[in-house]
Amino acid sequence: MLCVAVRAEVAAGAADSVCCTETIAKAGACTGCCLIDFQTTRYSATALDLSTLILCCTEKVMRDKHWDALLKHYHTVLQDTLRAAGITDPDSVYSWEHFMRRLGEMSGYALLLAPMMLHFLNADQAEVKELQGSVTSLMNEDDTTSQAAPASFNIQWSAEVKRRVGDIVDDMVRWGWM
């Protein structure tokens, strides 16, 4: 889920509503907020979305305290949804074991996205403007055959980004995913 705080000259994004308050505070005078649930904008593995959401948008302390409960709740809701869709034995489609195995398989994607997402969450005004420029450049590309260099931005490996990525790696090792 993306939470975008709207401001006259700057829009700041966060990868989850958990981070939304902090991002809105960074954006300054907020005139509105739009929540976008990316899980409904494309077809992908459930575990891909969940591993990205949980690993990139939660702190280690929260994962340490609530990890099992979060996953059990998510799996219960998933199974209830399968039952509501007419599947009488949801375990035959998406058992707990299958769910956990898929989370481990998909977690590498979350690890690859983490530096970029955490950079977005911790960006200062200058970095936000750089990100906006890159996005604007991509949105305005009309010539798909152009040999021009693609829009880019530099990920700032701040102490916070390093710590959070390190925490993700530590958790993935602890859970046997690396």
C-alpha atoms as a PDB file:
ATOM      1  CA  MET A   1       0.000   0.000   0.000  1.00  0.00           C
ATOM      2  CA  LEU A   2       1.335   3.437  -0.857  1.00  0.00           C
ATOM      3  CA  CYS A   3       0.399   6.469   1.140  1.00  0.00           C
ATOM      4  CA  VAL A   4       0.977   9.687  -0.737  1.00  0.00           C
ATOM      5  CA  ALA A   5       0.851  12.974   1.144  1.00  0.00           C
ATOM      6  CA  VAL A   6      -0.120  15.780  -1.193  1.00  0.00           C
ATOM      7  CA  ARG A   7       1.571  19.156  -0.825  1.00  0.00           C
ATOM      8  CA  ALA A   8       1.622  22.090  -3.204  1.00  0.00           C
ATOM      9  CA  GLU A   9       5.259  21.705  -4.242  1.00  0.00           C
ATOM     10  CA  VAL A  10       6.266  18.254  -2.868  1.00  0.00           C
ATOM     11  CA  ALA A  11       4.612  14.843  -2.804  1.00  0.00           C
ATOM     12  CA  ALA A  12       6.204  12.340  -0.448  1.00  0.00           C
ATOM     13  CA  GLY A  13       5.468   8.608  -0.566  1.00  0.00           C
ATOM     14  CA  ALA A  14       5.657   5.773   1.896  1.00  0.00           C
ATOM     15  CA  ALA A  15       5.297   2.099   1.240  1.00  0.00           C
ATOM     16  CA  ASP A  16       2.688   1.446   3.880  1.00  0.00           C
ATOM     17  CA  SER A  17       0.153   3.290   5.997  1.00  0.00           C
ATOM     18  CA  VAL A  18       2.276   2.315   9.014  1.00  0.00           C
ATOM     19  CA  CYS A  19       4.831   4.802   7.687  1.00  0.00           C
ATOM     20  CA  CYS A  20       2.270   7.336   6.501  1.00  0.00           C
ATOM     21  CA  THR A  21       2.243   9.603   9.555  1.00  0.00           C
ATOM     22  CA  GLU A  22       6.009  10.035   9.496  1.00  0.00           C
ATOM     23  CA  THR A  23       5.979  10.739   5.765  1.00  0.00           C
ATOM     24  CA  ILE A  24       3.171  13.276   6.009  1.00  0.00           C
ATOM     25  CA  ALA A  25       5.069  15.040   8.782  1.00  0.00           C
ATOM     26  CA  LYS A  26       8.128  15.217   6.514  1.00  0.00           C
ATOM     27  CA  ALA A  27       6.014  16.594   3.671  1.00  0.00           C
ATOM     28  CA  GLY A  28       4.912  19.601   5.688  1.00  0.00           C
ATOM     29  CA  ALA A  29       1.509  21.178   5.156  1.00  0.00           C
ATOM     30  CA  CYS A  30      -0.498  18.232   3.876  1.00  0.00           C
ATOM     31  CA  THR A  31      -3.585  18.999   1.797  1.00  0.00           C
ATOM     32  CA  GLY A  32      -4.729  15.426   1.332  1.00  0.00           C
ATOM     33  CA  CYS A  33      -3.825  11.764   1.460  1.00  0.00           C
ATOM     34  CA  CYS A  34      -4.407   9.049  -1.118  1.00  0.00           C
ATOM     35  CA  LEU A  35      -4.031   5.349  -0.271  1.00  0.00           C
ATOM     36  CA  ILE A  36      -3.152   3.041  -3.139  1.00  0.00           C
ATOM     37  CA  ASP A  37      -3.220  -0.727  -2.567  1.00  0.00           C
ATOM     38  CA  PHE A  38      -0.754  -2.147  -5.073  1.00  0.00           C
ATOM     39  CA  GLN A  39      -1.932  -5.683  -4.367  1.00  0.00           C
ATOM     40  CA  THR A  40      -4.977  -4.916  -6.497  1.00  0.00           C
ATOM     41  CA  THR A  41      -3.138  -3.281  -9.399  1.00  0.00           C
ATOM     42  CA  ARG A  42      -1.375  -6.352 -10.731  1.00  0.00           C
ATOM     43  CA  TYR A  43      -1.364 -10.129 -10.670  1.00  0.00           C
ATOM     44  CA  SER A  44       1.416 -11.596  -8.544  1.00  0.00           C
ATOM     45  CA  ALA A  45       2.179 -14.073  -5.809  1.00  0.00           C
ATOM     46  CA  THR A  46       0.505 -13.356  -2.489  1.00  0.00           C
ATOM     47  CA  ALA A  47       3.797 -14.072  -0.731  1.00  0.00           C
ATOM     48  CA  LEU A  48       5.606 -11.519  -2.903  1.00  0.00           C
ATOM     49  CA  ASP A  49       3.334  -8.683  -1.784  1.00  0.00           C
ATOM     50  CA  LEU A  50       3.300  -9.770   1.841  1.00  0.00           C
ATOM     51  CA  SER A  51       7.052 -10.282   2.189  1.00  0.00           C
ATOM     52  CA  THR A  52       7.715  -6.900   0.588  1.00  0.00           C
ATOM     53  CA  LEU A  53       5.130  -5.165   2.754  1.00  0.00           C
ATOM     54  CA  ILE A  54       6.256  -6.686   6.036  1.00  0.00           C
ATOM     55  CA  LEU A  55      10.018  -6.610   5.483  1.00  0.00           C
ATOM     56  CA  CYS A  56      10.248  -3.128   3.999  1.00  0.00           C
ATOM     57  CA  CYS A  57       7.587  -1.384   6.048  1.00  0.00           C
ATOM     58  CA  THR A  58       8.080  -2.652   9.563  1.00  0.00           C
ATOM     59  CA  GLU A  59      10.863  -2.277  12.077  1.00  0.00           C
ATOM     60  CA  LYS A  60      12.727  -5.277  13.467  1.00  0.00           C
ATOM     61  CA  VAL A  61      11.242  -4.662  16.931  1.00  0.00           C
ATOM     62  CA  MET A  62       7.741  -5.010  15.495  1.00  0.00           C
ATOM     63  CA  ARG A  63       8.672  -8.128  13.521  1.00  0.00           C
ATOM     64  CA  ASP A  64      10.289  -9.677  16.596  1.00  0.00           C
ATOM     65  CA  LYS A  65       7.175  -9.044  18.671  1.00  0.00           C
ATOM     66  CA  HIS A  66       4.353  -9.626  16.154  1.00  0.00           C
ATOM     67  CA  TRP A  67       5.780 -11.718  13.282  1.00  0.00           C
ATOM     68  CA  ASP A  68       3.960 -14.979  14.072  1.00  0.00           C
ATOM     69  CA  ALA A  69       0.653 -13.259  14.812  1.00  0.00           C
ATOM     70  CA  LEU A  70       0.825 -11.168  11.600  1.00  0.00           C
ATOM     71  CA  LEU A  71       1.485 -14.197   9.434  1.00  0.00           C
ATOM     72  CA  LYS A  72      -1.132 -16.374  11.144  1.00  0.00           C
ATOM     73  CA  HIS A  73      -3.744 -13.632  10.807  1.00  0.00           C
ATOM     74  CA  TYR A  74      -2.910 -13.069   7.142  1.00  0.00           C
ATOM     75  CA  HIS A  75      -3.079 -16.804   6.415  1.00  0.00           C
ATOM     76  CA  THR A  76      -6.416 -17.097   8.252  1.00  0.00           C
ATOM     77  CA  VAL A  77      -7.889 -14.243   6.188  1.00  0.00           C
ATOM     78  CA  LEU A  78      -6.506 -15.816   3.014  1.00  0.00           C
ATOM     79  CA  GLN A  79      -8.093 -19.161   3.903  1.00  0.00           C
ATOM     80  CA  ASP A  80     -11.421 -17.457   4.740  1.00  0.00           C
ATOM     81  CA  THR A  81     -11.300 -15.715   1.358  1.00  0.00           C
ATOM     82  CA  LEU A  82     -10.693 -19.040  -0.399  1.00  0.00           C
ATOM     83  CA  ARG A  83     -13.650 -20.570   1.482  1.00  0.00           C
ATOM     84  CA  ALA A  84     -15.840 -17.615   0.473  1.00  0.00           C
ATOM     85  CA  ALA A  85     -14.803 -18.286  -3.128  1.00  0.00           C
ATOM     86  CA  GLY A  86     -16.187 -21.817  -2.830  1.00  0.00           C
ATOM     87  CA  ILE A  87     -13.043 -23.774  -2.003  1.00  0.00           C
ATOM     88  CA  THR A  88     -14.075 -26.193   0.722  1.00  0.00           C
ATOM     89  CA  ASP A  89     -10.525 -27.250   1.636  1.00  0.00           C
ATOM     90  CA  PRO A  90      -8.289 -24.161   1.450  1.00  0.00           C
ATOM     91  CA  ASP A  91      -5.323 -26.164   2.764  1.00  0.00           C
ATOM     92  CA  SER A  92      -5.366 -28.109  -0.487  1.00  0.00           C
ATOM     93  CA  VAL A  93      -4.768 -24.828  -2.324  1.00  0.00           C
ATOM     94  CA  TYR A  94      -2.625 -22.780   0.079  1.00  0.00           C
ATOM     95  CA  SER A  95      -1.591 -24.615   3.235  1.00  0.00           C
ATOM     96  CA  TRP A  96       0.406 -23.005   6.026  1.00  0.00           C
ATOM     97  CA  GLU A  97       3.507 -24.900   4.915  1.00  0.00           C
ATOM     98  CA  HIS A  98       3.085 -23.744   1.323  1.00  0.00           C
ATOM     99  CA  PHE A  99       2.482 -20.180   2.516  1.00  0.00           C
ATOM    100  CA  MET A 100       5.666 -20.141   4.609  1.00  0.00           C
ATOM    101  CA  ARG A 101       7.735 -21.737   1.828  1.00  0.00           C
ATOM    102  CA  ARG A 102       6.500 -19.138  -0.680  1.00  0.00           C
ATOM    103  CA  LEU A 103       7.275 -16.295   1.744  1.00  0.00           C
ATOM    104  CA  GLY A 104      10.859 -17.533   1.942  1.00  0.00           C
ATOM    105  CA  GLU A 105      11.097 -17.878  -1.844  1.00  0.00           C
ATOM    106  CA  MET A 106       9.748 -14.368  -2.427  1.00  0.00           C
ATOM    107  CA  SER A 107      11.682 -12.611   0.332  1.00  0.00           C
ATOM    108  CA  GLY A 108      14.683 -12.009  -1.931  1.00  0.00           C
ATOM    109  CA  TYR A 109      12.545  -9.604  -3.960  1.00  0.00           C
ATOM    110  CA  ALA A 110      11.751  -7.652  -0.792  1.00  0.00           C
ATOM    111  CA  LEU A 111      15.435  -7.526   0.082  1.00  0.00           C
ATOM    112  CA  LEU A 112      16.234  -6.108  -3.361  1.00  0.00           C
ATOM    113  CA  LEU A 113      13.512  -3.463  -3.015  1.00  0.00           C
ATOM    114  CA  ALA A 114      14.354  -2.541   0.581  1.00  0.00           C
ATOM    115  CA  PRO A 115      17.180  -0.043  -0.090  1.00  0.00           C
ATOM    116  CA  MET A 116      15.066   1.849  -2.618  1.00  0.00           C
ATOM    117  CA  MET A 117      11.888   1.829  -0.520  1.00  0.00           C
ATOM    118  CA  LEU A 118      13.740   2.806   2.646  1.00  0.00           C
ATOM    119  CA  HIS A 119      15.507   5.591   0.758  1.00  0.00           C
ATOM    120  CA  PHE A 120      12.077   6.885  -0.329  1.00  0.00           C
ATOM    121  CA  LEU A 121      10.805   6.734   3.259  1.00  0.00           C
ATOM    122  CA  ASN A 122      13.802   8.616   4.636  1.00  0.00           C
ATOM    123  CA  ALA A 123      14.352  11.088   1.778  1.00  0.00           C
ATOM    124  CA  ASP A 124      14.997  14.721   2.621  1.00  0.00           C
ATOM    125  CA  GLN A 125      13.649  17.634   0.520  1.00  0.00           C
ATOM    126  CA  ALA A 126      16.513  17.528  -2.015  1.00  0.00           C
ATOM    127  CA  GLU A 127      16.196  13.753  -2.427  1.00  0.00           C
ATOM    128  CA  VAL A 128      12.423  14.023  -2.841  1.00  0.00           C
ATOM    129  CA  LYS A 129      12.942  16.579  -5.622  1.00  0.00           C
ATOM    130  CA  GLU A 130      15.467  14.244  -7.304  1.00  0.00           C
ATOM    131  CA  LEU A 131      12.972  11.369  -7.084  1.00  0.00           C
ATOM    132  CA  GLN A 132      10.209  13.597  -8.477  1.00  0.00           C
ATOM    133  CA  GLY A 133      12.447  14.607 -11.362  1.00  0.00           C
ATOM    134  CA  SER A 134      13.202  10.975 -12.180  1.00  0.00           C
ATOM    135  CA  VAL A 135       9.534  10.006 -12.067  1.00  0.00           C
ATOM    136  CA  THR A 136       8.538  13.043 -14.149  1.00  0.00           C
ATOM    137  CA  SER A 137      11.233  12.180 -16.680  1.00  0.00           C
ATOM    138  CA  LEU A 138       9.941   8.614 -16.948  1.00  0.00           C
ATOM    139  CA  MET A 139       6.329   9.771 -17.283  1.00  0.00           C
ATOM    140  CA  ASN A 140       7.232  12.195 -20.081  1.00  0.00           C
ATOM    141  CA  GLU A 141       9.194   9.751 -22.210  1.00  0.00           C
ATOM    142  CA  ASP A 142       7.318   9.650 -25.522  1.00  0.00           C
ATOM    143  CA  ASP A 143       9.999   8.073 -27.707  1.00  0.00           C
ATOM    144  CA  THR A 144      10.405   4.426 -26.730  1.00  0.00           C
ATOM    145  CA  THR A 145      13.191   4.003 -29.306  1.00  0.00           C
ATOM    146  CA  SER A 146      15.352   6.767 -27.793  1.00  0.00           C
ATOM    147  CA  GLN A 147      18.936   5.869 -26.923  1.00  0.00           C
ATOM    148  CA  ALA A 148      18.982   8.445 -24.109  1.00  0.00           C
ATOM    149  CA  ALA A 149      19.973   7.242 -20.661  1.00  0.00           C
ATOM    150  CA  PRO A 150      16.971   6.289 -18.531  1.00  0.00           C
ATOM    151  CA  ALA A 151      15.947   8.486 -15.622  1.00  0.00           C
ATOM    152  CA  SER A 152      17.750   7.569 -12.418  1.00  0.00           C
ATOM    153  CA  PHE A 153      18.316   8.582  -8.816  1.00  0.00           C
ATOM    154  CA  ASN A 154      20.956   7.781  -6.224  1.00  0.00           C
ATOM    155  CA  ILE A 155      20.026   5.691  -3.220  1.00  0.00           C
ATOM    156  CA  GLN A 156      21.469   7.336  -0.141  1.00  0.00           C
ATOM    157  CA  TRP A 157      22.865   4.674   2.175  1.00  0.00           C
ATOM    158  CA  SER A 158      22.159   6.614   5.348  1.00  0.00           C
ATOM    159  CA  ALA A 159      22.774   5.022   8.738  1.00  0.00           C
ATOM    160  CA  GLU A 160      18.995   4.396   8.976  1.00  0.00           C
ATOM    161  CA  VAL A 161      18.808   2.638   5.590  1.00  0.00           C
ATOM    162  CA  LYS A 162      21.881   0.529   6.424  1.00  0.00           C
ATOM    163  CA  ARG A 163      20.428  -0.452   9.794  1.00  0.00           C
ATOM    164  CA  ARG A 164      17.035  -1.373   8.381  1.00  0.00           C
ATOM    165  CA  VAL A 165      18.469  -3.399   5.488  1.00  0.00           C
ATOM    166  CA  GLY A 166      20.824  -5.122   7.945  1.00  0.00           C
ATOM    167  CA  ASP A 167      17.851  -5.957  10.176  1.00  0.00           C
ATOM    168  CA  ILE A 168      16.035  -7.469   7.191  1.00  0.00           C
ATOM    169  CA  VAL A 169      19.063  -9.621   6.357  1.00  0.00           C
ATOM    170  CA  ASP A 170      19.354 -10.714  10.014  1.00  0.00           C
ATOM    171  CA  ASP A 171      15.680 -11.709  10.095  1.00  0.00           C
ATOM    172  CA  MET A 172      15.871 -13.549   6.782  1.00  0.00           C
ATOM    173  CA  VAL A 173      18.859 -15.548   8.071  1.00  0.00           C
ATOM    174  CA  ARG A 174      17.061 -16.269  11.365  1.00  0.00           C
ATOM    175  CA  TRP A 175      13.984 -17.524   9.509  1.00  0.00           C
ATOM    176  CA  GLY A 176      16.111 -19.728   7.230  1.00  0.00           C
ATOM    177  CA  TRP A 177      15.339 -17.718   4.094  1.00  0.00           C
ATOM    178  CA  MET A 178      18.999 -16.959   3.370  1.00  0.00           C
END
